[in-house]
């Protein structure tokens, strides 16, 4: 996906977030979002911000961390666990 397309999706969800924060409803792709759906809209914002960040880095994901001791519960990538709120 091109950076321009990702920015367009991000702008749509930012507009939705602004509308529902003002108490209005907003329709995206035939689905109407209201204040009760604020968390779903924020999740979409987080997703598109992450996609934009990855596209700006050239589409590279983060390097996979492999611990010396195998731990099944260890995350494959620290960044994916902690990217919320970094934008």
N, C-alpha and C. Protein backbone atom coordinates (compact mmCIF):
# COMPACT_ATOMS: atom_id res chain seq x y z
N UNK A 1 0.84 -1.17 0.00
CA UNK A 1 0.00 0.00 0.00
C UNK A 1 0.89 1.24 0.00
N UNK A 2 0.52 2.23 -0.77
CA UNK A 2 1.33 3.44 -0.88
C UNK A 2 1.10 4.35 0.33
N UNK A 3 2.09 5.17 0.61
CA UNK A 3 2.01 6.08 1.75
C UNK A 3 0.83 7.03 1.60
N UNK A 4 0.56 7.50 0.40
CA UNK A 4 -0.57 8.40 0.17
C UNK A 4 -1.90 7.72 0.53
N UNK A 5 -2.03 6.44 0.18
CA UNK A 5 -3.25 5.69 0.52
C UNK A 5 -3.39 5.53 2.03
N UNK A 6 -2.29 5.24 2.68
CA UNK A 6 -2.32 5.07 4.13
C UNK A 6 -2.69 6.38 4.81
N UNK A 7 -2.13 7.49 4.31
CA UNK A 7 -2.46 8.81 4.88
C UNK A 7 -3.94 9.14 4.67
N UNK A 8 -4.50 8.71 3.53
CA UNK A 8 -5.92 8.95 3.27
C UNK A 8 -6.79 8.17 4.27
N UNK A 9 -6.43 6.91 4.52
CA UNK A 9 -7.17 6.12 5.51
C UNK A 9 -7.04 6.74 6.90
N UNK A 10 -5.84 7.18 7.23
CA UNK A 10 -5.62 7.80 8.54
C UNK A 10 -6.45 9.07 8.68
N UNK A 11 -6.53 9.87 7.63
CA UNK A 11 -7.33 11.10 7.67
C UNK A 11 -8.80 10.80 7.89
N UNK A 12 -9.30 9.73 7.29
CA UNK A 12 -10.70 9.34 7.47
C UNK A 12 -10.96 9.01 8.94
N UNK A 13 -10.07 8.22 9.54
CA UNK A 13 -10.28 7.82 10.93
C UNK A 13 -10.04 8.98 11.90
N UNK A 14 -9.16 9.92 11.54
CA UNK A 14 -9.00 11.10 12.38
C UNK A 14 -10.25 11.96 12.35
N UNK A 15 -10.88 12.06 11.17
CA UNK A 15 -12.14 12.81 11.06
C UNK A 15 -13.24 12.11 11.86
N UNK A 16 -13.26 10.79 11.82
CA UNK A 16 -14.26 10.04 12.60
C UNK A 16 -14.05 10.27 14.09
N UNK A 17 -12.80 10.25 14.53
CA UNK A 17 -12.50 10.47 15.94
C UNK A 17 -12.92 11.87 16.37
N UNK A 18 -12.64 12.86 15.54
CA UNK A 18 -13.03 14.23 15.85
C UNK A 18 -14.55 14.36 15.93
N UNK A 19 -15.26 13.75 15.00
CA UNK A 19 -16.72 13.84 14.99
C UNK A 19 -17.32 13.19 16.23
N UNK A 20 -16.87 12.00 16.58
CA UNK A 20 -17.49 11.33 17.73
C UNK A 20 -17.06 11.98 19.04
N UNK A 21 -15.90 12.64 19.06
CA UNK A 21 -15.51 13.35 20.28
C UNK A 21 -16.40 14.56 20.51
N UNK A 22 -17.02 15.04 19.44
CA UNK A 22 -17.96 16.17 19.55
C UNK A 22 -19.40 15.70 19.71
N UNK A 23 -19.59 14.40 19.86
CA UNK A 23 -20.93 13.87 20.08
C UNK A 23 -21.72 13.59 18.83
N UNK A 24 -21.09 13.65 17.68
CA UNK A 24 -21.77 13.39 16.42
C UNK A 24 -21.46 11.97 15.96
N UNK A 25 -22.23 11.48 15.02
CA UNK A 25 -21.93 10.18 14.45
C UNK A 25 -21.12 10.39 13.17
N UNK A 26 -20.43 9.33 12.75
CA UNK A 26 -19.60 9.40 11.54
C UNK A 26 -19.70 8.07 10.83
N UNK A 27 -19.83 8.10 9.51
CA UNK A 27 -19.98 6.88 8.73
C UNK A 27 -18.73 6.63 7.91
N UNK A 28 -18.19 5.41 8.05
CA UNK A 28 -17.03 4.97 7.28
C UNK A 28 -17.40 3.65 6.62
N UNK A 29 -17.31 3.61 5.32
CA UNK A 29 -17.61 2.39 4.55
C UNK A 29 -18.96 1.78 4.92
N UNK A 30 -19.97 2.61 5.10
CA UNK A 30 -21.31 2.12 5.40
C UNK A 30 -21.58 1.80 6.85
N UNK A 31 -20.57 1.89 7.71
CA UNK A 31 -20.75 1.65 9.15
C UNK A 31 -20.76 2.99 9.87
N UNK A 32 -21.75 3.17 10.72
CA UNK A 32 -21.87 4.42 11.47
C UNK A 32 -21.29 4.24 12.86
N UNK A 33 -20.41 5.15 13.23
CA UNK A 33 -19.75 5.12 14.53
C UNK A 33 -20.27 6.27 15.38
N UNK A 34 -20.53 5.96 16.64
CA UNK A 34 -20.99 6.97 17.60
C UNK A 34 -20.02 6.98 18.78
N UNK A 35 -20.37 7.76 19.79
CA UNK A 35 -19.50 7.86 20.96
C UNK A 35 -19.26 6.50 21.63
N UNK A 36 -20.23 5.61 21.53
CA UNK A 36 -20.08 4.27 22.12
C UNK A 36 -19.00 3.46 21.39
N UNK A 37 -18.70 3.83 20.16
CA UNK A 37 -17.71 3.12 19.36
C UNK A 37 -16.34 3.79 19.38
N UNK A 38 -16.10 4.65 20.35
CA UNK A 38 -14.85 5.41 20.39
C UNK A 38 -13.63 4.51 20.46
N UNK A 39 -13.72 3.42 21.19
CA UNK A 39 -12.54 2.54 21.30
C UNK A 39 -12.24 1.86 19.96
N UNK A 40 -13.26 1.52 19.20
CA UNK A 40 -13.03 0.91 17.88
C UNK A 40 -12.38 1.91 16.93
N UNK A 41 -12.80 3.16 17.01
CA UNK A 41 -12.21 4.20 16.16
C UNK A 41 -10.75 4.43 16.57
N UNK A 42 -10.48 4.45 17.87
CA UNK A 42 -9.09 4.63 18.33
C UNK A 42 -8.22 3.45 17.91
N UNK A 43 -8.78 2.25 17.92
CA UNK A 43 -8.03 1.09 17.45
C UNK A 43 -7.67 1.24 15.97
N UNK A 44 -8.61 1.74 15.18
CA UNK A 44 -8.32 1.97 13.76
C UNK A 44 -7.25 3.06 13.59
N UNK A 45 -7.33 4.10 14.40
CA UNK A 45 -6.30 5.14 14.35
C UNK A 45 -4.93 4.56 14.68
N UNK A 46 -4.86 3.76 15.72
CA UNK A 46 -3.59 3.13 16.09
C UNK A 46 -3.08 2.25 14.96
N UNK A 47 -3.96 1.50 14.34
CA UNK A 47 -3.57 0.60 13.25
C UNK A 47 -2.98 1.39 12.08
N UNK A 48 -3.69 2.44 11.65
CA UNK A 48 -3.22 3.19 10.49
C UNK A 48 -1.98 4.00 10.81
N UNK A 49 -1.83 4.44 12.06
CA UNK A 49 -0.58 5.12 12.45
C UNK A 49 0.59 4.14 12.40
N UNK A 50 0.36 2.91 12.84
CA UNK A 50 1.41 1.90 12.77
C UNK A 50 1.76 1.59 11.31
N UNK A 51 0.74 1.45 10.47
CA UNK A 51 1.00 1.18 9.05
C UNK A 51 1.80 2.32 8.41
N UNK A 52 1.46 3.56 8.78
CA UNK A 52 2.19 4.71 8.25
C UNK A 52 3.64 4.69 8.72
N UNK A 53 3.84 4.42 9.98
CA UNK A 53 5.20 4.36 10.51
C UNK A 53 6.01 3.28 9.80
N UNK A 54 5.41 2.13 9.57
CA UNK A 54 6.12 1.06 8.88
C UNK A 54 6.41 1.43 7.43
N UNK A 55 5.46 2.09 6.77
CA UNK A 55 5.66 2.50 5.38
C UNK A 55 6.76 3.56 5.28
N UNK A 56 6.81 4.46 6.26
CA UNK A 56 7.84 5.50 6.25
C UNK A 56 9.23 4.90 6.45
N UNK A 57 9.30 3.75 7.11
CA UNK A 57 10.58 3.07 7.31
C UNK A 57 10.91 2.17 6.12
N UNK A 58 10.12 2.23 5.09
CA UNK A 58 10.39 1.41 3.91
C UNK A 58 9.72 0.06 3.95
N UNK A 59 8.71 -0.09 4.79
CA UNK A 59 7.98 -1.35 4.85
C UNK A 59 8.64 -2.41 5.68
N UNK A 60 9.76 -2.07 6.29
CA UNK A 60 10.44 -3.06 7.12
C UNK A 60 9.74 -3.17 8.46
N UNK A 61 9.51 -4.38 8.88
CA UNK A 61 9.02 -4.62 10.23
C UNK A 61 10.20 -4.55 11.17
N UNK A 62 9.96 -4.77 12.41
CA UNK A 62 11.08 -4.74 13.34
C UNK A 62 11.84 -6.05 13.28
N UNK A 63 13.07 -6.00 13.71
CA UNK A 63 13.88 -7.21 13.72
C UNK A 63 13.33 -8.18 14.76
N UNK A 64 13.37 -9.42 14.46
CA UNK A 64 12.88 -10.43 15.40
C UNK A 64 13.94 -10.68 16.46
N UNK A 65 13.53 -10.60 17.68
CA UNK A 65 14.45 -10.85 18.80
C UNK A 65 14.37 -12.32 19.17
N UNK A 66 15.48 -12.98 19.20
CA UNK A 66 15.52 -14.39 19.58
C UNK A 66 16.34 -14.52 20.85
N UNK A 67 15.68 -14.79 21.98
CA UNK A 67 16.42 -14.92 23.23
C UNK A 67 17.30 -16.17 23.22
N UNK A 68 18.35 -16.14 24.01
CA UNK A 68 19.25 -17.30 24.11
C UNK A 68 18.49 -18.49 24.66
N UNK A 69 17.67 -18.24 25.68
CA UNK A 69 16.85 -19.30 26.26
C UNK A 69 15.48 -19.23 25.60
N UNK A 70 14.99 -20.33 25.09
CA UNK A 70 13.71 -20.34 24.41
C UNK A 70 12.58 -20.18 25.41
N UNK A 71 11.81 -19.13 25.23
CA UNK A 71 10.64 -18.88 26.08
C UNK A 71 9.43 -18.77 25.18
N UNK A 72 8.48 -19.63 25.36
CA UNK A 72 7.30 -19.62 24.49
C UNK A 72 6.48 -18.35 24.65
N UNK A 73 6.50 -17.76 25.82
CA UNK A 73 5.69 -16.58 26.07
C UNK A 73 6.40 -15.29 25.70
N UNK A 74 7.66 -15.35 25.31
CA UNK A 74 8.43 -14.15 24.98
C UNK A 74 7.93 -13.57 23.67
N UNK A 75 7.70 -12.26 23.59
CA UNK A 75 7.21 -11.68 22.33
C UNK A 75 8.28 -11.72 21.26
N UNK A 76 7.85 -11.91 20.04
CA UNK A 76 8.80 -11.94 18.92
C UNK A 76 9.37 -10.57 18.65
N UNK A 77 8.63 -9.54 19.00
CA UNK A 77 9.07 -8.19 18.71
C UNK A 77 8.59 -7.24 19.79
N UNK A 78 9.50 -6.60 20.47
CA UNK A 78 9.13 -5.67 21.55
C UNK A 78 8.31 -4.51 21.01
N UNK A 79 8.66 -3.99 19.84
CA UNK A 79 7.98 -2.81 19.32
C UNK A 79 6.50 -3.06 19.10
N UNK A 80 6.13 -4.23 18.60
CA UNK A 80 4.72 -4.51 18.35
C UNK A 80 3.91 -4.53 19.64
N UNK A 81 4.53 -4.88 20.75
CA UNK A 81 3.82 -4.86 22.02
C UNK A 81 3.67 -3.46 22.57
N UNK A 82 4.57 -2.55 22.23
CA UNK A 82 4.65 -1.26 22.90
C UNK A 82 4.47 -0.06 21.98
N UNK A 83 3.89 -0.19 20.81
CA UNK A 83 3.80 0.93 19.90
C UNK A 83 2.67 1.90 20.22
N UNK A 84 1.70 1.48 21.04
CA UNK A 84 0.57 2.38 21.35
C UNK A 84 1.04 3.66 22.02
N UNK A 85 0.51 4.75 21.57
CA UNK A 85 0.79 6.04 22.18
C UNK A 85 2.14 6.63 21.84
N UNK A 86 2.85 6.08 20.89
CA UNK A 86 4.17 6.60 20.55
C UNK A 86 4.12 7.62 19.43
N UNK A 87 2.93 7.99 18.94
CA UNK A 87 2.83 8.93 17.83
C UNK A 87 2.27 10.23 18.29
